[in-house]
Amino acid sequence: MTISQTIDIPADRRITLEVPREIPTGTTARYELVWFPVTKTANNLNTTLEKIQELCKNSSITVDSFKEMRRKDKELEENQYRRLFSGDIN
């Protein structure tokens, strides 16, 4: 069983760990604390969205043309699959 939870570190730097009842007492478990910086500002999201919009501004791809490209890709994959596995497997 793996449990993952993102938490905010309090000012006193104390964290209470509650073990789920499904884990039997007397068993061995491993606890691992991994730190990674998380930015919580909306500015980062807005900046990212602006960059994406800038990249897409002059694109000739539309939703319909993208769907058509995906359909053609799937058709090619299906044809390759049929060529590879057209014979009976005994």
C-alpha atoms as a PDB file:
ATOM      1  CA  MET A   1       0.000   0.000   0.000  1.00  0.00           C
ATOM      2  CA  THR A   2       1.302   3.441  -0.904  1.00  0.00           C
ATOM      3  CA  ILE A   3      -0.182   6.606   0.544  1.00  0.00           C
ATOM      4  CA  SER A   4       0.673   9.984  -0.902  1.00  0.00           C
ATOM      5  CA  GLN A   5      -0.425  13.341   0.452  1.00  0.00           C
ATOM      6  CA  THR A   6       0.754  16.900  -0.135  1.00  0.00           C
ATOM      7  CA  ILE A   7       0.829  18.947   3.058  1.00  0.00           C
ATOM      8  CA  ASP A   8       1.758  22.447   4.202  1.00  0.00           C
ATOM      9  CA  ILE A   9       4.558  22.539   6.767  1.00  0.00           C
ATOM     10  CA  PRO A  10       3.366  24.389   9.887  1.00  0.00           C
ATOM     11  CA  ALA A  11       5.450  27.040  11.681  1.00  0.00           C
ATOM     12  CA  ASP A  12       6.464  24.583  14.413  1.00  0.00           C
ATOM     13  CA  ARG A  13       7.545  22.087  11.719  1.00  0.00           C
ATOM     14  CA  ARG A  14       5.614  19.257  13.399  1.00  0.00           C
ATOM     15  CA  ILE A  15       3.564  16.775  11.430  1.00  0.00           C
ATOM     16  CA  THR A  16       1.278  14.150  12.930  1.00  0.00           C
ATOM     17  CA  LEU A  17       1.085  10.873  11.049  1.00  0.00           C
ATOM     18  CA  GLU A  18      -2.016   8.705  11.366  1.00  0.00           C
ATOM     19  CA  VAL A  19      -1.648   5.161  10.069  1.00  0.00           C
ATOM     20  CA  PRO A  20      -4.718   3.679   8.337  1.00  0.00           C
ATOM     21  CA  ARG A  21      -6.518   0.886  10.212  1.00  0.00           C
ATOM     22  CA  GLU A  22      -5.977  -1.467   7.249  1.00  0.00           C
ATOM     23  CA  ILE A  23      -2.299  -1.703   8.220  1.00  0.00           C
ATOM     24  CA  PRO A  24      -1.996  -4.276  11.005  1.00  0.00           C
ATOM     25  CA  THR A  25      -0.193  -3.292  14.190  1.00  0.00           C
ATOM     26  CA  GLY A  26       3.159  -4.932  14.743  1.00  0.00           C
ATOM     27  CA  THR A  27       4.067  -4.813  11.051  1.00  0.00           C
ATOM     28  CA  THR A  28       6.971  -2.877   9.571  1.00  0.00           C
ATOM     29  CA  ALA A  29       6.331   0.164   7.385  1.00  0.00           C
ATOM     30  CA  ARG A  30       8.560   2.703   5.688  1.00  0.00           C
ATOM     31  CA  TYR A  31       7.905   6.443   5.972  1.00  0.00           C
ATOM     32  CA  GLU A  32       9.456   8.789   3.437  1.00  0.00           C
ATOM     33  CA  LEU A  33       9.266  12.588   3.395  1.00  0.00           C
ATOM     34  CA  VAL A  34      10.090  14.160   0.045  1.00  0.00           C
ATOM     35  CA  TRP A  35      10.392  17.928  -0.273  1.00  0.00           C
ATOM     36  CA  PHE A  36       9.840  19.775  -3.512  1.00  0.00           C
ATOM     37  CA  PRO A  37       9.067  23.448  -3.970  1.00  0.00           C
ATOM     38  CA  VAL A  38       5.486  24.198  -4.971  1.00  0.00           C
ATOM     39  CA  THR A  39       4.527  27.615  -6.265  1.00  0.00           C
ATOM     40  CA  LYS A  40       0.989  28.616  -5.362  1.00  0.00           C
ATOM     41  CA  THR A  41       0.602  31.882  -7.235  1.00  0.00           C
ATOM     42  CA  ALA A  42      -1.957  32.407  -9.941  1.00  0.00           C
ATOM     43  CA  ASN A  43       0.591  34.526 -11.795  1.00  0.00           C
ATOM     44  CA  ASN A  44       2.500  31.402 -12.804  1.00  0.00           C
ATOM     45  CA  LEU A  45      -0.647  29.906 -14.325  1.00  0.00           C
ATOM     46  CA  ASN A  46      -1.507  33.130 -16.135  1.00  0.00           C
ATOM     47  CA  THR A  47       2.051  33.459 -17.434  1.00  0.00           C
ATOM     48  CA  THR A  48       2.008  29.871 -18.666  1.00  0.00           C
ATOM     49  CA  LEU A  49      -1.333  30.348 -20.395  1.00  0.00           C
ATOM     50  CA  GLU A  50      -0.072  33.523 -22.057  1.00  0.00           C
ATOM     51  CA  LYS A  51       2.997  31.654 -23.335  1.00  0.00           C
ATOM     52  CA  ILE A  52       0.812  28.876 -24.740  1.00  0.00           C
ATOM     53  CA  GLN A  53      -1.464  31.393 -26.432  1.00  0.00           C
ATOM     54  CA  GLU A  54       1.574  33.142 -27.932  1.00  0.00           C
ATOM     55  CA  LEU A  55       2.874  29.841 -29.315  1.00  0.00           C
ATOM     56  CA  CYS A  56      -0.508  29.003 -30.839  1.00  0.00           C
ATOM     57  CA  LYS A  57      -1.250  32.467 -32.223  1.00  0.00           C
ATOM     58  CA  ASN A  58      -0.038  31.857 -35.784  1.00  0.00           C
ATOM     59  CA  SER A  59      -0.870  28.168 -35.937  1.00  0.00           C
ATOM     60  CA  SER A  60      -2.877  26.892 -38.890  1.00  0.00           C
ATOM     61  CA  ILE A  61      -4.121  23.889 -36.926  1.00  0.00           C
ATOM     62  CA  THR A  62      -7.771  23.929 -35.914  1.00  0.00           C
ATOM     63  CA  VAL A  63      -9.622  21.480 -33.701  1.00  0.00           C
ATOM     64  CA  ASP A  64     -11.182  19.898 -36.768  1.00  0.00           C
ATOM     65  CA  SER A  65      -7.858  19.542 -38.582  1.00  0.00           C
ATOM     66  CA  PHE A  66      -6.288  18.069 -35.440  1.00  0.00           C
ATOM     67  CA  LYS A  67      -9.095  15.507 -35.161  1.00  0.00           C
ATOM     68  CA  GLU A  68      -8.605  14.605 -38.818  1.00  0.00           C
ATOM     69  CA  MET A  69      -4.848  14.104 -38.255  1.00  0.00           C
ATOM     70  CA  ARG A  70      -5.634  11.823 -35.292  1.00  0.00           C
ATOM     71  CA  ARG A  71      -8.129   9.854 -37.380  1.00  0.00           C
ATOM     72  CA  LYS A  72      -5.535   9.349 -40.127  1.00  0.00           C
ATOM     73  CA  ASP A  73      -2.903   8.287 -37.567  1.00  0.00           C
ATOM     74  CA  LYS A  74      -5.287   5.732 -36.074  1.00  0.00           C
ATOM     75  CA  GLU A  75      -6.117   4.458 -39.549  1.00  0.00           C
ATOM     76  CA  LEU A  76      -2.402   3.981 -40.315  1.00  0.00           C
ATOM     77  CA  GLU A  77      -1.860   2.196 -36.993  1.00  0.00           C
ATOM     78  CA  GLU A  78      -4.829  -0.077 -37.656  1.00  0.00           C
ATOM     79  CA  ASN A  79      -3.507  -0.944 -41.135  1.00  0.00           C
ATOM     80  CA  GLN A  80      -0.047  -1.726 -39.717  1.00  0.00           C
ATOM     81  CA  TYR A  81      -1.617  -3.890 -37.019  1.00  0.00           C
ATOM     82  CA  ARG A  82      -3.672  -5.806 -39.573  1.00  0.00           C
ATOM     83  CA  ARG A  83      -0.592  -6.409 -41.766  1.00  0.00           C
ATOM     84  CA  LEU A  84       1.444  -7.698 -38.804  1.00  0.00           C
ATOM     85  CA  PHE A  85      -1.269  -9.921 -37.355  1.00  0.00           C
ATOM     86  CA  SER A  86      -3.227 -10.964 -40.419  1.00  0.00           C
ATOM     87  CA  GLY A  87      -2.240 -14.637 -40.148  1.00  0.00           C
ATOM     88  CA  ASP A  88      -3.678 -17.190 -37.747  1.00  0.00           C
ATOM     89  CA  ILE A  89      -1.765 -17.743 -34.516  1.00  0.00           C
ATOM     90  CA  ASN A  90      -1.468 -21.450 -33.681  1.00  0.00           C
END
